Amino acid sequence: MPDLAAPVSTASHLPVAAGLIGIAVAAVAYVAVLPLLDGERRANRRLKSIGVSASGAAIRGVAVNRREQVAKTLGEIEAKAKNASKATVELKLARAGLGWTKQTYYAVSAGCGVVLGLLLFLITDSPIAAAGAAFAGGFGLPAAMLRHLRLRRIAKFNKELPNAVDVVVRGIRTGIPVGDCFRMVSREAEEPVRSEFKTVVETQALGLSLGEAVSRLFERVPTAEVNFFAIVINIQQQSGGNLSEALNNLSVVLRERAKMRGKVQAMSMEAKASAGIIACLPFAVAGITTVTSPDYISLLWTTDIGKIALVGAAIWMSLGVLTIKKMIAFEF
């Protein structure tokens, strides 16, 4: 008869304990992983209900292709922006809003050089001074005129561009096609936005896409505002998206940039006034002295030391004015 008081071997309980521990671990893992699996199944069912494949590789591929298209578009526009400074004479005339041909521009430049050279020769009777005046009149004066007209035209364009973008946004939101919105701007906007958008519409009618036509607009009006506008249009044309919302955000950005530009101009007016006074004061003093004491001031251009002093004064004054101008020149 077996002894009931004898101890039971613990080795027989080890498989049972290991089995219970395994069951407990499996239960915990099931409870932890089940919600994830259930959420994934629900996500797959939603994707299938809208006709989208649940393949993660396909979704990632679409996202990568979209990023590549956006990066390619931005690269092309950035390359065009770098080449914007390399402009031909015809393009410079177009940016200034002049309808001249290249031959007309060269004829006007030559006329300015001849007139200014003859005028200074009659005043000073110096061939060297006349040659310098002719060079400045033939090359410097026309270039300065084009730059002044271009900056004035760009300022008008940037001022009117947010209003034109708002017209396009309202038209898109009411169901009007983008091309028709551009035609509305080309008919109703102020100059020079009206003529530039008219050129965009005409370029698009020749067979170019809207993105290419707007990119050519940036070539004629090389500003950051137009560059932003071209980027938005090109990305929407190639990658899709809500164009009205993007253009509305762009309009807000353009108006904020205009406000910031106005604040900077107001803060830099003191420096501009100082530069103007510094530049005008020597000429004013020289004119007054010439009227009151002509023999005294005539030493500046009748003696060698006086001529050297005039040249040195002109150089130092130019350096001071250019330094102040550089300090208050802000790029937007």
C-alpha atoms as a PDB file:
ATOM      1  CA  MET A   1       0.000   0.000   0.000  1.00  0.00           C
ATOM      2  CA  PRO A   2       1.540   3.293  -1.006  1.00  0.00           C
ATOM      3  CA  ASP A   3       2.544   5.874   1.504  1.00  0.00           C
ATOM      4  CA  LEU A   4       0.113   8.865   1.201  1.00  0.00           C
ATOM      5  CA  ALA A   5       2.349  11.088   3.287  1.00  0.00           C
ATOM      6  CA  ALA A   6       5.266  10.858   0.815  1.00  0.00           C
ATOM      7  CA  PRO A   7       6.065  14.192  -0.989  1.00  0.00           C
ATOM      8  CA  VAL A   8       4.967  14.529  -4.623  1.00  0.00           C
ATOM      9  CA  SER A   9       7.795  15.202  -7.089  1.00  0.00           C
ATOM     10  CA  THR A  10       7.872  18.803  -8.353  1.00  0.00           C
ATOM     11  CA  ALA A  11       9.087  17.635 -11.767  1.00  0.00           C
ATOM     12  CA  SER A  12       5.594  16.487 -12.636  1.00  0.00           C
ATOM     13  CA  HIS A  13       4.217  20.022 -12.090  1.00  0.00           C
ATOM     14  CA  LEU A  14       6.712  21.805 -14.411  1.00  0.00           C
ATOM     15  CA  PRO A  15       4.934  20.999 -17.726  1.00  0.00           C
ATOM     16  CA  VAL A  16       1.616  22.100 -16.286  1.00  0.00           C
ATOM     17  CA  ALA A  17       3.068  25.421 -15.053  1.00  0.00           C
ATOM     18  CA  ALA A  18       4.811  26.047 -18.364  1.00  0.00           C
ATOM     19  CA  GLY A  19       1.567  25.407 -20.217  1.00  0.00           C
ATOM     20  CA  LEU A  20      -0.353  27.806 -17.994  1.00  0.00           C
ATOM     21  CA  ILE A  21       2.293  30.535 -18.447  1.00  0.00           C
ATOM     22  CA  GLY A  22       2.223  30.045 -22.235  1.00  0.00           C
ATOM     23  CA  ILE A  23      -1.578  30.337 -22.275  1.00  0.00           C
ATOM     24  CA  ALA A  24      -1.397  33.537 -20.211  1.00  0.00           C
ATOM     25  CA  VAL A  25       1.233  35.092 -22.505  1.00  0.00           C
ATOM     26  CA  ALA A  26      -0.780  34.180 -25.590  1.00  0.00           C
ATOM     27  CA  ALA A  27      -3.914  35.708 -24.069  1.00  0.00           C
ATOM     28  CA  VAL A  28      -2.107  38.957 -23.235  1.00  0.00           C
ATOM     29  CA  ALA A  29      -0.600  39.142 -26.708  1.00  0.00           C
ATOM     30  CA  TYR A  30      -3.988  38.479 -28.297  1.00  0.00           C
ATOM     31  CA  VAL A  31      -5.614  41.224 -26.253  1.00  0.00           C
ATOM     32  CA  ALA A  32      -2.835  43.680 -27.153  1.00  0.00           C
ATOM     33  CA  VAL A  33      -2.644  42.893 -30.878  1.00  0.00           C
ATOM     34  CA  LEU A  34      -6.352  42.396 -31.611  1.00  0.00           C
ATOM     35  CA  PRO A  35      -7.255  46.123 -31.660  1.00  0.00           C
ATOM     36  CA  LEU A  36      -4.417  46.804 -34.097  1.00  0.00           C
ATOM     37  CA  LEU A  37      -5.509  44.010 -36.393  1.00  0.00           C
ATOM     38  CA  ASP A  38      -9.116  45.112 -36.128  1.00  0.00           C
ATOM     39  CA  GLY A  39      -8.170  48.726 -36.945  1.00  0.00           C
ATOM     40  CA  GLU A  40      -6.169  47.587 -39.937  1.00  0.00           C
ATOM     41  CA  ARG A  41      -9.120  45.505 -41.179  1.00  0.00           C
ATOM     42  CA  ARG A  42     -11.437  48.509 -40.794  1.00  0.00           C
ATOM     43  CA  ALA A  43      -8.975  50.727 -42.668  1.00  0.00           C
ATOM     44  CA  ASN A  44      -8.744  48.191 -45.471  1.00  0.00           C
ATOM     45  CA  ARG A  45     -12.528  47.999 -45.702  1.00  0.00           C
ATOM     46  CA  ARG A  46     -12.757  51.819 -45.920  1.00  0.00           C
ATOM     47  CA  LEU A  47     -10.104  51.950 -48.633  1.00  0.00           C
ATOM     48  CA  LYS A  48     -11.880  49.252 -50.617  1.00  0.00           C
ATOM     49  CA  SER A  49     -15.230  51.039 -50.219  1.00  0.00           C
ATOM     50  CA  ILE A  50     -13.833  54.137 -51.985  1.00  0.00           C
ATOM     51  CA  GLY A  51     -11.995  52.139 -54.622  1.00  0.00           C
ATOM     52  CA  VAL A  52      -8.477  52.644 -53.285  1.00  0.00           C
ATOM     53  CA  SER A  53      -6.044  49.774 -53.094  1.00  0.00           C
ATOM     54  CA  ALA A  54      -4.903  48.881 -49.640  1.00  0.00           C
ATOM     55  CA  SER A  55      -1.381  48.147 -50.799  1.00  0.00           C
ATOM     56  CA  GLY A  56       1.032  50.251 -48.741  1.00  0.00           C
ATOM     57  CA  ALA A  57       3.633  50.107 -51.485  1.00  0.00           C
ATOM     58  CA  ALA A  58       1.232  51.636 -53.998  1.00  0.00           C
ATOM     59  CA  ILE A  59       0.280  54.448 -51.631  1.00  0.00           C
ATOM     60  CA  ARG A  60       3.905  55.202 -50.907  1.00  0.00           C
ATOM     61  CA  GLY A  61       4.622  55.173 -54.628  1.00  0.00           C
ATOM     62  CA  VAL A  62       1.940  57.772 -55.292  1.00  0.00           C
ATOM     63  CA  ALA A  63       3.320  60.001 -52.545  1.00  0.00           C
ATOM     64  CA  VAL A  64       6.860  59.652 -53.879  1.00  0.00           C
ATOM     65  CA  ASN A  65       5.741  60.481 -57.420  1.00  0.00           C
ATOM     66  CA  ARG A  66       3.928  63.576 -56.167  1.00  0.00           C
ATOM     67  CA  ARG A  67       6.997  64.754 -54.284  1.00  0.00           C
ATOM     68  CA  GLU A  68       9.152  64.152 -57.336  1.00  0.00           C
ATOM     69  CA  GLN A  69       6.804  66.172 -59.530  1.00  0.00           C
ATOM     70  CA  VAL A  70       6.745  69.055 -57.055  1.00  0.00           C
ATOM     71  CA  ALA A  71      10.538  68.999 -56.713  1.00  0.00           C
ATOM     72  CA  LYS A  72      10.946  68.954 -60.493  1.00  0.00           C
ATOM     73  CA  THR A  73       8.581  71.906 -60.895  1.00  0.00           C
ATOM     74  CA  LEU A  74      10.353  73.904 -58.216  1.00  0.00           C
ATOM     75  CA  GLY A  75      13.721  73.120 -59.804  1.00  0.00           C
ATOM     76  CA  GLU A  76      12.590  74.337 -63.208  1.00  0.00           C
ATOM     77  CA  ILE A  77      11.171  77.572 -61.818  1.00  0.00           C
ATOM     78  CA  GLU A  78      14.301  78.160 -59.728  1.00  0.00           C
ATOM     79  CA  ALA A  79      16.473  77.702 -62.819  1.00  0.00           C
ATOM     80  CA  LYS A  80      14.368  80.252 -64.683  1.00  0.00           C
ATOM     81  CA  ALA A  81      14.683  82.643 -61.752  1.00  0.00           C
ATOM     82  CA  LYS A  82      18.482  82.372 -61.878  1.00  0.00           C
ATOM     83  CA  ASN A  83      18.465  83.174 -65.581  1.00  0.00           C
ATOM     84  CA  ALA A  84      16.100  86.129 -65.130  1.00  0.00           C
ATOM     85  CA  SER A  85      19.018  88.565 -64.873  1.00  0.00           C
ATOM     86  CA  LYS A  86      20.333  87.445 -68.296  1.00  0.00           C
ATOM     87  CA  ALA A  87      17.924  89.475 -70.365  1.00  0.00           C
ATOM     88  CA  THR A  88      18.152  90.631 -73.958  1.00  0.00           C
ATOM     89  CA  VAL A  89      17.446  94.176 -75.049  1.00  0.00           C
ATOM     90  CA  GLU A  90      13.973  93.202 -76.256  1.00  0.00           C
ATOM     91  CA  LEU A  91      13.160  91.610 -72.907  1.00  0.00           C
ATOM     92  CA  LYS A  92      14.439  94.660 -71.006  1.00  0.00           C
ATOM     93  CA  LEU A  93      12.206  96.889 -73.134  1.00  0.00           C
ATOM     94  CA  ALA A  94       9.247  94.592 -72.457  1.00  0.00           C
ATOM     95  CA  ARG A  95       9.923  94.670 -68.716  1.00  0.00           C
ATOM     96  CA  ALA A  96       9.988  98.467 -68.866  1.00  0.00           C
ATOM     97  CA  GLY A  97       6.666  98.502 -70.726  1.00  0.00           C
ATOM     98  CA  LEU A  98       8.114 100.155 -73.848  1.00  0.00           C
ATOM     99  CA  GLY A  99       7.000  99.135 -77.308  1.00  0.00           C
ATOM    100  CA  TRP A 100      10.340 100.040 -78.866  1.00  0.00           C
ATOM    101  CA  THR A 101      12.364  97.793 -81.096  1.00  0.00           C
ATOM    102  CA  LYS A 102      16.034  97.096 -80.512  1.00  0.00           C
ATOM    103  CA  GLN A 103      16.993  99.450 -83.369  1.00  0.00           C
ATOM    104  CA  THR A 104      14.915 102.259 -81.856  1.00  0.00           C
ATOM    105  CA  TYR A 105      16.602 101.798 -78.492  1.00  0.00           C
ATOM    106  CA  TYR A 106      20.068 101.928 -80.053  1.00  0.00           C
ATOM    107  CA  ALA A 107      19.127 105.045 -82.042  1.00  0.00           C
ATOM    108  CA  VAL A 108      17.861 106.816 -78.904  1.00  0.00           C
ATOM    109  CA  SER A 109      21.012 105.814 -77.009  1.00  0.00           C
ATOM    110  CA  ALA A 110      23.251 107.164 -79.771  1.00  0.00           C
ATOM    111  CA  GLY A 111      21.253 110.402 -79.904  1.00  0.00           C
ATOM    112  CA  CYS A 112      21.557 110.893 -76.139  1.00  0.00           C
ATOM    113  CA  GLY A 113      25.295 110.305 -76.298  1.00  0.00           C
ATOM    114  CA  VAL A 114      25.829 112.778 -79.139  1.00  0.00           C
ATOM    115  CA  VAL A 115      23.665 115.503 -77.597  1.00  0.00           C
ATOM    116  CA  LEU A 116      25.235 115.216 -74.152  1.00  0.00           C
ATOM    117  CA  GLY A 117      28.768 115.088 -75.576  1.00  0.00           C
ATOM    118  CA  LEU A 118      28.266 118.195 -77.733  1.00  0.00           C
ATOM    119  CA  LEU A 119      26.644 120.064 -74.862  1.00  0.00           C
ATOM    120  CA  LEU A 120      29.509 119.394 -72.482  1.00  0.00           C
ATOM    121  CA  PHE A 121      32.077 120.189 -75.187  1.00  0.00           C
ATOM    122  CA  LEU A 122      30.463 123.602 -75.718  1.00  0.00           C
ATOM    123  CA  ILE A 123      30.510 124.278 -71.974  1.00  0.00           C
ATOM    124  CA  THR A 124      34.019 123.041 -71.092  1.00  0.00           C
ATOM    125  CA  ASP A 125      35.789 123.053 -74.483  1.00  0.00           C
ATOM    126  CA  SER A 126      37.422 119.783 -73.407  1.00  0.00           C
ATOM    127  CA  PRO A 127      37.388 116.765 -75.756  1.00  0.00           C
ATOM    128  CA  ILE A 128      38.046 114.373 -72.870  1.00  0.00           C
ATOM    129  CA  ALA A 129      35.070 115.649 -70.891  1.00  0.00           C
ATOM    130  CA  ALA A 130      32.919 115.558 -74.027  1.00  0.00           C
ATOM    131  CA  ALA A 131      33.949 111.937 -74.696  1.00  0.00           C
ATOM    132  CA  GLY A 132      33.080 110.960 -71.136  1.00  0.00           C
ATOM    133  CA  ALA A 133      29.712 112.701 -71.384  1.00  0.00           C
ATOM    134  CA  ALA A 134      29.010 110.991 -74.709  1.00  0.00           C
ATOM    135  CA  PHE A 135      29.826 107.599 -73.177  1.00  0.00           C
ATOM    136  CA  ALA A 136      27.592 108.284 -70.164  1.00  0.00           C
ATOM    137  CA  GLY A 137      24.789 109.540 -72.388  1.00  0.00           C
ATOM    138  CA  GLY A 138      25.000 106.600 -74.784  1.00  0.00           C
ATOM    139  CA  PHE A 139      25.290 103.786 -72.247  1.00  0.00           C
ATOM    140  CA  GLY A 140      24.486 105.013 -68.747  1.00  0.00           C
ATOM    141  CA  LEU A 141      21.481 107.257 -69.356  1.00  0.00           C
ATOM    142  CA  PRO A 142      19.380 104.751 -71.405  1.00  0.00           C
ATOM    143  CA  ALA A 143      20.150 101.948 -68.945  1.00  0.00           C
ATOM    144  CA  ALA A 144      19.137 104.153 -66.011  1.00  0.00           C
ATOM    145  CA  MET A 145      15.933 105.108 -67.839  1.00  0.00           C
ATOM    146  CA  LEU A 146      15.051 101.458 -68.467  1.00  0.00           C
ATOM    147  CA  ARG A 147      15.752 100.567 -64.849  1.00  0.00           C
ATOM    148  CA  HIS A 148      13.564 103.405 -63.573  1.00  0.00           C
ATOM    149  CA  LEU A 149      10.676 102.457 -65.865  1.00  0.00           C
ATOM    150  CA  ARG A 150      11.044  98.764 -64.970  1.00  0.00           C
ATOM    151  CA  LEU A 151      10.987  99.399 -61.210  1.00  0.00           C
ATOM    152  CA  ARG A 152       7.988 101.711 -61.527  1.00  0.00           C
ATOM    153  CA  ARG A 153       6.106  99.167 -63.617  1.00  0.00           C
ATOM    154  CA  ILE A 154       6.967  96.333 -61.214  1.00  0.00           C
ATOM    155  CA  ALA A 155       5.717  98.386 -58.269  1.00  0.00           C
ATOM    156  CA  LYS A 156       2.390  98.946 -60.023  1.00  0.00           C
ATOM    157  CA  PHE A 157       2.169  95.256 -60.942  1.00  0.00           C
ATOM    158  CA  ASN A 158       2.840  94.062 -57.383  1.00  0.00           C
ATOM    159  CA  LYS A 159       0.253  96.487 -56.043  1.00  0.00           C
ATOM    160  CA  GLU A 160      -2.485  95.187 -58.362  1.00  0.00           C
ATOM    161  CA  LEU A 161      -1.542  91.468 -58.395  1.00  0.00           C
ATOM    162  CA  PRO A 162      -3.344  90.521 -55.109  1.00  0.00           C
ATOM    163  CA  ASN A 163      -6.586  91.969 -56.472  1.00  0.00           C
ATOM    164  CA  ALA A 164      -6.185  89.921 -59.652  1.00  0.00           C
ATOM    165  CA  VAL A 165      -5.526  86.762 -57.604  1.00  0.00           C
ATOM    166  CA  ASP A 166      -8.678  87.456 -55.574  1.00  0.00           C
ATOM    167  CA  VAL A 167     -10.687  87.698 -58.808  1.00  0.00           C
ATOM    168  CA  VAL A 168      -9.333  84.311 -59.903  1.00  0.00           C
ATOM    169  CA  VAL A 169     -10.131  82.774 -56.488  1.00  0.00           C
ATOM    170  CA  ARG A 170     -13.718  84.027 -56.499  1.00  0.00           C
ATOM    171  CA  GLY A 171     -14.199  82.826 -60.054  1.00  0.00           C
ATOM    172  CA  ILE A 172     -12.913  79.328 -59.273  1.00  0.00           C
ATOM    173  CA  ARG A 173     -15.111  79.062 -56.189  1.00  0.00           C
ATOM    174  CA  THR A 174     -18.185  79.949 -58.253  1.00  0.00           C
ATOM    175  CA  GLY A 175     -17.370  77.265 -60.833  1.00  0.00           C
ATOM    176  CA  ILE A 176     -15.745  79.391 -63.546  1.00  0.00           C
ATOM    177  CA  PRO A 177     -12.788  77.718 -65.324  1.00  0.00           C
ATOM    178  CA  VAL A 178      -9.323  79.045 -64.624  1.00  0.00           C
ATOM    179  CA  GLY A 179      -8.836  80.213 -68.209  1.00  0.00           C
ATOM    180  CA  ASP A 180     -12.023  82.287 -68.074  1.00  0.00           C
ATOM    181  CA  CYS A 181     -10.884  83.809 -64.774  1.00  0.00           C
ATOM    182  CA  PHE A 182      -7.659  84.891 -66.436  1.00  0.00           C
ATOM    183  CA  ARG A 183      -9.677  86.440 -69.278  1.00  0.00           C
ATOM    184  CA  MET A 184     -11.731  88.389 -66.754  1.00  0.00           C
ATOM    185  CA  VAL A 185      -8.536  89.785 -65.233  1.00  0.00           C
ATOM    186  CA  SER A 186      -7.174  90.656 -68.695  1.00  0.00           C
ATOM    187  CA  ARG A 187     -10.304  92.732 -69.340  1.00  0.00           C
ATOM    188  CA  GLU A 188     -11.015  94.367 -65.988  1.00  0.00           C
ATOM    189  CA  ALA A 189      -7.739  94.740 -64.071  1.00  0.00           C
ATOM    190  CA  GLU A 190      -5.558  97.835 -63.947  1.00  0.00           C
ATOM    191  CA  GLU A 191      -2.381  98.219 -65.942  1.00  0.00           C
ATOM    192  CA  PRO A 192       0.133  96.624 -66.153  1.00  0.00           C
ATOM    193  CA  VAL A 193      -1.618  93.506 -64.777  1.00  0.00           C
ATOM    194  CA  ARG A 194      -4.253  93.715 -67.502  1.00  0.00           C
ATOM    195  CA  SER A 195      -1.765  93.635 -70.379  1.00  0.00           C
ATOM    196  CA  GLU A 196       0.365  90.912 -68.783  1.00  0.00           C
ATOM    197  CA  PHE A 197      -2.611  88.624 -68.131  1.00  0.00           C
ATOM    198  CA  LYS A 198      -3.800  89.311 -71.671  1.00  0.00           C
ATOM    199  CA  THR A 199      -0.418  88.086 -72.897  1.00  0.00           C
ATOM    200  CA  VAL A 200      -0.822  84.958 -70.739  1.00  0.00           C
ATOM    201  CA  VAL A 201      -4.252  84.267 -72.270  1.00  0.00           C
ATOM    202  CA  GLU A 202      -2.930  84.794 -75.798  1.00  0.00           C
ATOM    203  CA  THR A 203       0.066  82.544 -75.106  1.00  0.00           C
ATOM    204  CA  GLN A 204      -2.230  79.833 -73.777  1.00  0.00           C
ATOM    205  CA  ALA A 205      -4.416  80.155 -76.878  1.00  0.00           C
ATOM    206  CA  LEU A 206      -1.365  79.330 -79.011  1.00  0.00           C
ATOM    207  CA  GLY A 207      -1.177  75.863 -77.444  1.00  0.00           C
ATOM    208  CA  LEU A 208       0.926  76.307 -74.309  1.00  0.00           C
ATOM    209  CA  SER A 209      -0.303  75.063 -70.967  1.00  0.00           C
ATOM    210  CA  LEU A 210      -1.324  77.468 -68.246  1.00  0.00           C
ATOM    211  CA  GLY A 211       1.781  76.674 -66.217  1.00  0.00           C
ATOM    212  CA  GLU A 212       4.103  77.434 -69.133  1.00  0.00           C
ATOM    213  CA  ALA A 213       2.250  80.669 -69.896  1.00  0.00           C
ATOM    214  CA  VAL A 214       2.551  81.837 -66.280  1.00  0.00           C
ATOM    215  CA  SER A 215       6.241  80.882 -66.298  1.00  0.00           C
ATOM    216  CA  ARG A 216       6.707  83.215 -69.248  1.00  0.00           C
ATOM    217  CA  LEU A 217       4.947  85.895 -67.229  1.00  0.00           C
ATOM    218  CA  PHE A 218       7.747  85.539 -64.675  1.00  0.00           C
ATOM    219  CA  GLU A 219      10.280  86.155 -67.438  1.00  0.00           C
ATOM    220  CA  ARG A 220       8.631  89.489 -68.254  1.00  0.00           C
ATOM    221  CA  VAL A 221       8.020  90.486 -64.621  1.00  0.00           C
ATOM    222  CA  PRO A 222      10.880  88.940 -62.606  1.00  0.00           C
ATOM    223  CA  THR A 223       9.639  89.492 -59.057  1.00  0.00           C
ATOM    224  CA  ALA A 224       9.202  87.211 -56.067  1.00  0.00           C
ATOM    225  CA  GLU A 225       5.431  87.728 -56.141  1.00  0.00           C
ATOM    226  CA  VAL A 226       5.127  86.488 -59.710  1.00  0.00           C
ATOM    227  CA  ASN A 227       7.486  83.628 -58.880  1.00  0.00           C
ATOM    228  CA  PHE A 228       5.159  82.532 -56.061  1.00  0.00           C
ATOM    229  CA  PHE A 229       2.203  82.763 -58.418  1.00  0.00           C
ATOM    230  CA  ALA A 230       3.986  80.665 -61.050  1.00  0.00           C
ATOM    231  CA  ILE A 231       4.948  78.034 -58.465  1.00  0.00           C
ATOM    232  CA  VAL A 232       1.353  77.665 -57.252  1.00  0.00           C
ATOM    233  CA  ILE A 233      -0.053  77.353 -60.780  1.00  0.00           C
ATOM    234  CA  ASN A 234       2.628  74.897 -61.951  1.00  0.00           C
ATOM    235  CA  ILE A 235       2.314  72.616 -58.915  1.00  0.00           C
ATOM    236  CA  GLN A 236      -1.470  72.568 -59.212  1.00  0.00           C
ATOM    237  CA  GLN A 237      -1.297  71.813 -62.937  1.00  0.00           C
ATOM    238  CA  GLN A 238       1.110  68.903 -62.488  1.00  0.00           C
ATOM    239  CA  SER A 239       0.163  67.478 -59.095  1.00  0.00           C
ATOM    240  CA  GLY A 240      -3.409  68.616 -58.511  1.00  0.00           C
ATOM    241  CA  GLY A 241      -4.858  70.139 -55.383  1.00  0.00           C
ATOM    242  CA  ASN A 242      -7.252  72.846 -54.268  1.00  0.00           C
ATOM    243  CA  LEU A 243      -6.240  75.771 -56.484  1.00  0.00           C
ATOM    244  CA  SER A 244      -8.671  78.266 -54.951  1.00  0.00           C
ATOM    245  CA  GLU A 245      -7.363  77.646 -51.437  1.00  0.00           C
ATOM    246  CA  ALA A 246      -3.730  77.855 -52.589  1.00  0.00           C
ATOM    247  CA  LEU A 247      -4.342  81.108 -54.458  1.00  0.00           C
ATOM    248  CA  ASN A 248      -6.252  82.541 -51.502  1.00  0.00           C
ATOM    249  CA  ASN A 249      -3.286  81.813 -49.242  1.00  0.00           C
ATOM    250  CA  LEU A 250      -1.019  83.376 -51.840  1.00  0.00           C
ATOM    251  CA  SER A 251      -3.153  86.525 -51.875  1.00  0.00           C
ATOM    252  CA  VAL A 252      -2.798  86.825 -48.111  1.00  0.00           C
ATOM    253  CA  VAL A 253       0.972  86.379 -48.377  1.00  0.00           C
ATOM    254  CA  LEU A 254       1.238  89.036 -51.099  1.00  0.00           C
ATOM    255  CA  ARG A 255      -0.724  91.553 -49.052  1.00  0.00           C
ATOM    256  CA  GLU A 256       1.389  90.871 -45.966  1.00  0.00           C
ATOM    257  CA  ARG A 257       4.544  91.355 -48.041  1.00  0.00           C
ATOM    258  CA  ALA A 258       3.187  94.683 -49.276  1.00  0.00           C
ATOM    259  CA  LYS A 259       2.518  95.775 -45.684  1.00  0.00           C
ATOM    260  CA  MET A 260       6.018  94.758 -44.635  1.00  0.00           C
ATOM    261  CA  ARG A 261       7.503  96.627 -47.596  1.00  0.00           C
ATOM    262  CA  GLY A 262       5.613  99.754 -46.578  1.00  0.00           C
ATOM    263  CA  LYS A 263       6.868  99.473 -42.989  1.00  0.00           C
ATOM    264  CA  VAL A 264      10.448  99.080 -44.174  1.00  0.00           C
ATOM    265  CA  GLN A 265      10.146 102.086 -46.469  1.00  0.00           C
ATOM    266  CA  ALA A 266       8.736 104.178 -43.645  1.00  0.00           C
ATOM    267  CA  MET A 267      11.551 103.146 -41.305  1.00  0.00           C
ATOM    268  CA  SER A 268      14.220 103.880 -43.934  1.00  0.00           C
ATOM    269  CA  MET A 269      12.926 107.343 -44.871  1.00  0.00           C
ATOM    270  CA  GLU A 270      15.252 108.999 -42.369  1.00  0.00           C
ATOM    271  CA  ALA A 271      18.299 107.382 -43.962  1.00  0.00           C
ATOM    272  CA  LYS A 272      17.040 108.308 -47.434  1.00  0.00           C
ATOM    273  CA  ALA A 273      16.570 111.923 -46.369  1.00  0.00           C
ATOM    274  CA  SER A 274      20.096 111.954 -44.935  1.00  0.00           C
ATOM    275  CA  ALA A 275      21.504 110.582 -48.172  1.00  0.00           C
ATOM    276  CA  GLY A 276      19.609 113.205 -50.177  1.00  0.00           C
ATOM    277  CA  ILE A 277      20.884 116.047 -47.983  1.00  0.00           C
ATOM    278  CA  ILE A 278      24.460 114.744 -48.143  1.00  0.00           C
ATOM    279  CA  ALA A 279      24.272 114.518 -51.931  1.00  0.00           C
ATOM    280  CA  CYS A 280      22.664 117.943 -52.486  1.00  0.00           C
ATOM    281  CA  LEU A 281      24.492 120.006 -49.882  1.00  0.00           C
ATOM    282  CA  PRO A 282      27.871 120.310 -51.726  1.00  0.00           C
ATOM    283  CA  PHE A 283      26.163 121.437 -54.919  1.00  0.00           C
ATOM    284  CA  ALA A 284      24.005 123.940 -53.050  1.00  0.00           C
ATOM    285  CA  VAL A 285      27.019 125.404 -51.230  1.00  0.00           C
ATOM    286  CA  ALA A 286      29.016 125.542 -54.485  1.00  0.00           C
ATOM    287  CA  GLY A 287      26.171 127.337 -56.258  1.00  0.00           C
ATOM    288  CA  ILE A 288      25.747 129.902 -53.493  1.00  0.00           C
ATOM    289  CA  THR A 289      29.508 130.500 -53.306  1.00  0.00           C
ATOM    290  CA  THR A 290      29.691 130.910 -57.073  1.00  0.00           C
ATOM    291  CA  VAL A 291      27.086 133.669 -56.896  1.00  0.00           C
ATOM    292  CA  THR A 292      28.567 135.458 -53.893  1.00  0.00           C
ATOM    293  CA  SER A 293      32.341 134.869 -54.357  1.00  0.00           C
ATOM    294  CA  PRO A 294      33.096 133.624 -57.891  1.00  0.00           C
ATOM    295  CA  ASP A 295      36.826 134.393 -57.671  1.00  0.00           C
ATOM    296  CA  TYR A 296      37.131 132.372 -54.483  1.00  0.00           C
ATOM    297  CA  ILE A 297      35.498 129.171 -55.717  1.00  0.00           C
ATOM    298  CA  SER A 298      36.897 129.352 -59.253  1.00  0.00           C
ATOM    299  CA  LEU A 299      40.191 128.060 -57.853  1.00  0.00           C
ATOM    300  CA  LEU A 300      38.608 124.601 -57.753  1.00  0.00           C
ATOM    301  CA  TRP A 301      38.536 124.277 -61.546  1.00  0.00           C
ATOM    302  CA  THR A 302      41.298 126.680 -62.581  1.00  0.00           C
ATOM    303  CA  THR A 303      44.154 125.154 -60.567  1.00  0.00           C
ATOM    304  CA  ASP A 304      45.527 121.631 -60.500  1.00  0.00           C
ATOM    305  CA  ILE A 305      45.145 121.319 -56.735  1.00  0.00           C
ATOM    306  CA  GLY A 306      41.538 122.441 -57.002  1.00  0.00           C
ATOM    307  CA  LYS A 307      40.783 119.848 -59.690  1.00  0.00           C
ATOM    308  CA  ILE A 308      42.335 117.115 -57.554  1.00  0.00           C
ATOM    309  CA  ALA A 309      40.236 118.286 -54.610  1.00  0.00           C
ATOM    310  CA  LEU A 310      37.071 118.175 -56.756  1.00  0.00           C
ATOM    311  CA  VAL A 311      37.813 114.628 -57.897  1.00  0.00           C
ATOM    312  CA  GLY A 312      38.537 113.466 -54.358  1.00  0.00           C
ATOM    313  CA  ALA A 313      35.403 115.129 -53.008  1.00  0.00           C
ATOM    314  CA  ALA A 314      33.278 113.529 -55.733  1.00  0.00           C
ATOM    315  CA  ILE A 315      34.737 110.091 -54.976  1.00  0.00           C
ATOM    316  CA  TRP A 316      34.216 110.357 -51.217  1.00  0.00           C
ATOM    317  CA  MET A 317      30.719 111.762 -51.585  1.00  0.00           C
ATOM    318  CA  SER A 318      29.788 108.956 -53.993  1.00  0.00           C
ATOM    319  CA  LEU A 319      31.126 106.363 -51.562  1.00  0.00           C
ATOM    320  CA  GLY A 320      29.076 107.843 -48.730  1.00  0.00           C
ATOM    321  CA  VAL A 321      25.864 107.957 -50.757  1.00  0.00           C
ATOM    322  CA  LEU A 322      26.360 104.413 -52.076  1.00  0.00           C
ATOM    323  CA  THR A 323      27.070 103.129 -48.565  1.00  0.00           C
ATOM    324  CA  ILE A 324      23.861 104.630 -47.216  1.00  0.00           C
ATOM    325  CA  LYS A 325      21.951 103.266 -50.183  1.00  0.00           C
ATOM    326  CA  LYS A 326      23.380  99.796 -49.568  1.00  0.00           C
ATOM    327  CA  MET A 327      22.408  99.958 -45.902  1.00  0.00           C
ATOM    328  CA  ILE A 328      18.773 100.766 -46.658  1.00  0.00           C
ATOM    329  CA  ALA A 329      18.358  98.448 -49.664  1.00  0.00           C
ATOM    330  CA  PHE A 330      16.154  95.532 -48.608  1.00  0.00           C
ATOM    331  CA  GLU A 331      15.235  92.629 -50.850  1.00  0.00           C
ATOM    332  CA  PHE A 332      11.762  91.076 -50.654  1.00  0.00           C
END
